[in-house]
Amino acid sequence: MPIDPNFEQNLEQTGEEHGVAVWGETEPPEKLGIRGTHVAVDFDICLADGACLEDCPVDVFEWVDTPGHPESEIKANPTNEDQCIDCMLCVDVCPVDAIDVDSGRAGRT
């Protein structure tokens, strides 16, 4: 199931980690929630193939360790989401639809 594009309305911001907002319930290592606001990555479905890191022209993403997560032990964190230019390349290349970009959510972290 892809990331919920309405996560901001459907989930509560539960904290911040690695410089980005964390949305939804978390129970590490299995349940990690959604990370970021303008550029959001569902850590529960991200399988860390690296396509978003490779294709992003402004280096929004950085790897972060997520030891013990059943999908992958690293995730693409939108650490530099304030640099996003809304090109949507990351959304287009994500094989599991784990990324959502919405300029309407920019600056609300």
C-alpha atoms as a PDB file:
ATOM      1  CA  MET A   1       0.000   0.000   0.000  1.00  0.00           C
ATOM      2  CA  PRO A   2       1.460   3.413  -0.987  1.00  0.00           C
ATOM      3  CA  ILE A   3       2.092   6.345   1.336  1.00  0.00           C
ATOM      4  CA  ASP A   4      -1.068   8.134   2.446  1.00  0.00           C
ATOM      5  CA  PRO A   5      -0.996  11.509   0.614  1.00  0.00           C
ATOM      6  CA  ASN A   6      -3.265  12.895   3.353  1.00  0.00           C
ATOM      7  CA  PHE A   7      -1.060  11.743   6.221  1.00  0.00           C
ATOM      8  CA  GLU A   8      -0.872  15.266   7.621  1.00  0.00           C
ATOM      9  CA  GLN A   9      -4.625  15.210   8.261  1.00  0.00           C
ATOM     10  CA  ASN A  10      -4.832  11.513   9.167  1.00  0.00           C
ATOM     11  CA  LEU A  11      -1.833  11.200  11.487  1.00  0.00           C
ATOM     12  CA  GLU A  12      -0.448  13.162  14.381  1.00  0.00           C
ATOM     13  CA  GLN A  13       3.088  14.528  14.365  1.00  0.00           C
ATOM     14  CA  THR A  14       4.688  12.469  17.119  1.00  0.00           C
ATOM     15  CA  GLY A  15       8.173  13.936  17.190  1.00  0.00           C
ATOM     16  CA  GLU A  16      11.288  14.675  15.205  1.00  0.00           C
ATOM     17  CA  GLU A  17      14.244  12.507  14.287  1.00  0.00           C
ATOM     18  CA  HIS A  18      17.299  13.117  12.093  1.00  0.00           C
ATOM     19  CA  GLY A  19      16.089  16.673  11.538  1.00  0.00           C
ATOM     20  CA  VAL A  20      12.634  15.858  10.132  1.00  0.00           C
ATOM     21  CA  ALA A  21       9.121  15.494  11.499  1.00  0.00           C
ATOM     22  CA  VAL A  22       7.873  12.032  12.422  1.00  0.00           C
ATOM     23  CA  TRP A  23       4.201  11.321  11.712  1.00  0.00           C
ATOM     24  CA  GLY A  24       2.139   8.487  13.145  1.00  0.00           C
ATOM     25  CA  GLU A  25       2.650   5.827  15.732  1.00  0.00           C
ATOM     26  CA  THR A  26       6.093   4.309  15.999  1.00  0.00           C
ATOM     27  CA  GLU A  27       7.269   1.084  17.600  1.00  0.00           C
ATOM     28  CA  PRO A  28      10.873   0.543  16.531  1.00  0.00           C
ATOM     29  CA  PRO A  29      12.240  -1.428  14.914  1.00  0.00           C
ATOM     30  CA  GLU A  30       9.131  -2.661  13.043  1.00  0.00           C
ATOM     31  CA  LYS A  31       6.937   0.465  12.902  1.00  0.00           C
ATOM     32  CA  LEU A  32       8.721   3.725  12.033  1.00  0.00           C
ATOM     33  CA  GLY A  33       5.982   6.000  10.629  1.00  0.00           C
ATOM     34  CA  ILE A  34       6.286   8.712   8.005  1.00  0.00           C
ATOM     35  CA  ARG A  35       9.298  11.043   7.972  1.00  0.00           C
ATOM     36  CA  GLY A  36       9.258  14.587   6.611  1.00  0.00           C
ATOM     37  CA  THR A  37       6.467  16.992   5.722  1.00  0.00           C
ATOM     38  CA  HIS A  38       7.001  18.716   2.349  1.00  0.00           C
ATOM     39  CA  VAL A  39       8.879  15.615   1.207  1.00  0.00           C
ATOM     40  CA  ALA A  40       7.452  12.633   3.070  1.00  0.00           C
ATOM     41  CA  VAL A  41       8.810   9.079   3.141  1.00  0.00           C
ATOM     42  CA  ASP A  42       6.848   6.202   4.627  1.00  0.00           C
ATOM     43  CA  PHE A  43       9.629   4.391   6.476  1.00  0.00           C
ATOM     44  CA  ASP A  44       7.410   1.344   6.966  1.00  0.00           C
ATOM     45  CA  ILE A  45       7.326   0.585   3.234  1.00  0.00           C
ATOM     46  CA  CYS A  46      10.638   2.102   2.043  1.00  0.00           C
ATOM     47  CA  LEU A  47      12.813  -0.743   0.788  1.00  0.00           C
ATOM     48  CA  ALA A  48      15.952   1.356   0.345  1.00  0.00           C
ATOM     49  CA  ASP A  49      16.679   0.702  -3.317  1.00  0.00           C
ATOM     50  CA  GLY A  50      18.348   4.137  -3.491  1.00  0.00           C
ATOM     51  CA  ALA A  51      16.584   5.401  -6.621  1.00  0.00           C
ATOM     52  CA  CYS A  52      15.441   8.591  -4.891  1.00  0.00           C
ATOM     53  CA  LEU A  53      18.969   9.364  -3.682  1.00  0.00           C
ATOM     54  CA  GLU A  54      20.392   8.783  -7.155  1.00  0.00           C
ATOM     55  CA  ASP A  55      17.778  10.804  -9.059  1.00  0.00           C
ATOM     56  CA  CYS A  56      17.245  13.782  -6.742  1.00  0.00           C
ATOM     57  CA  PRO A  57      18.993  16.767  -8.356  1.00  0.00           C
ATOM     58  CA  VAL A  58      19.239  18.725  -5.085  1.00  0.00           C
ATOM     59  CA  ASP A  59      20.242  15.955  -2.634  1.00  0.00           C
ATOM     60  CA  VAL A  60      17.137  16.006  -0.443  1.00  0.00           C
ATOM     61  CA  PHE A  61      17.736  12.466   0.861  1.00  0.00           C
ATOM     62  CA  GLU A  62      20.358  10.908   3.130  1.00  0.00           C
ATOM     63  CA  TRP A  63      20.646   7.340   4.372  1.00  0.00           C
ATOM     64  CA  VAL A  64      19.782   6.715   8.010  1.00  0.00           C
ATOM     65  CA  ASP A  65      20.154   3.445   9.875  1.00  0.00           C
ATOM     66  CA  THR A  66      17.001   1.550  10.841  1.00  0.00           C
ATOM     67  CA  PRO A  67      18.385  -1.662  12.349  1.00  0.00           C
ATOM     68  CA  GLY A  68      15.926  -4.516  12.622  1.00  0.00           C
ATOM     69  CA  HIS A  69      13.274  -3.100  10.278  1.00  0.00           C
ATOM     70  CA  PRO A  70      11.737  -5.940   8.230  1.00  0.00           C
ATOM     71  CA  GLU A  71      11.915  -4.086   4.867  1.00  0.00           C
ATOM     72  CA  SER A  72      15.463  -2.719   5.138  1.00  0.00           C
ATOM     73  CA  GLU A  73      17.993  -1.667   7.745  1.00  0.00           C
ATOM     74  CA  ILE A  74      18.546   1.738   6.121  1.00  0.00           C
ATOM     75  CA  LYS A  75      16.022   4.306   4.882  1.00  0.00           C
ATOM     76  CA  ALA A  76      16.057   7.348   2.607  1.00  0.00           C
ATOM     77  CA  ASN A  77      15.478  10.221   5.010  1.00  0.00           C
ATOM     78  CA  PRO A  78      14.369  13.595   3.567  1.00  0.00           C
ATOM     79  CA  THR A  79      16.941  15.420   5.707  1.00  0.00           C
ATOM     80  CA  ASN A  80      17.211  18.351   3.307  1.00  0.00           C
ATOM     81  CA  GLU A  81      13.547  18.650   2.342  1.00  0.00           C
ATOM     82  CA  ASP A  82      13.797  22.446   2.441  1.00  0.00           C
ATOM     83  CA  GLN A  83      15.939  22.176  -0.734  1.00  0.00           C
ATOM     84  CA  CYS A  84      13.216  20.329  -2.672  1.00  0.00           C
ATOM     85  CA  ILE A  85      12.318  21.900  -6.020  1.00  0.00           C
ATOM     86  CA  ASP A  86       9.145  19.812  -6.502  1.00  0.00           C
ATOM     87  CA  CYS A  87      10.491  18.052  -9.600  1.00  0.00           C
ATOM     88  CA  MET A  88       8.785  14.821  -8.463  1.00  0.00           C
ATOM     89  CA  LEU A  89      11.617  12.591  -9.703  1.00  0.00           C
ATOM     90  CA  CYS A  90      11.767  10.795  -6.352  1.00  0.00           C
ATOM     91  CA  VAL A  91       8.034  10.084  -6.479  1.00  0.00           C
ATOM     92  CA  ASP A  92       8.321   8.777 -10.031  1.00  0.00           C
ATOM     93  CA  VAL A  93      11.221   6.386  -9.342  1.00  0.00           C
ATOM     94  CA  CYS A  94      10.103   4.930  -6.011  1.00  0.00           C
ATOM     95  CA  PRO A  95       9.125   1.313  -6.773  1.00  0.00           C
ATOM     96  CA  VAL A  96       6.828   1.015  -3.731  1.00  0.00           C
ATOM     97  CA  ASP A  97       5.282   4.518  -3.751  1.00  0.00           C
ATOM     98  CA  ALA A  98       6.801   5.344  -0.364  1.00  0.00           C
ATOM     99  CA  ILE A  99       7.356   9.050  -1.195  1.00  0.00           C
ATOM    100  CA  ASP A 100       4.930  11.948  -1.465  1.00  0.00           C
ATOM    101  CA  VAL A 101       5.886  15.540  -2.299  1.00  0.00           C
ATOM    102  CA  ASP A 102       3.424  18.367  -1.722  1.00  0.00           C
ATOM    103  CA  SER A 103       4.531  21.994  -1.818  1.00  0.00           C
ATOM    104  CA  GLY A 104       1.382  22.880   0.139  1.00  0.00           C
ATOM    105  CA  ARG A 105       2.950  21.171   3.145  1.00  0.00           C
ATOM    106  CA  ALA A 106       6.254  23.076   2.837  1.00  0.00           C
ATOM    107  CA  GLY A 107       7.425  24.903   5.934  1.00  0.00           C
ATOM    108  CA  ARG A 108       4.931  23.315   8.290  1.00  0.00           C
ATOM    109  CA  THR A 109       7.358  21.042  10.103  1.00  0.00           C
END
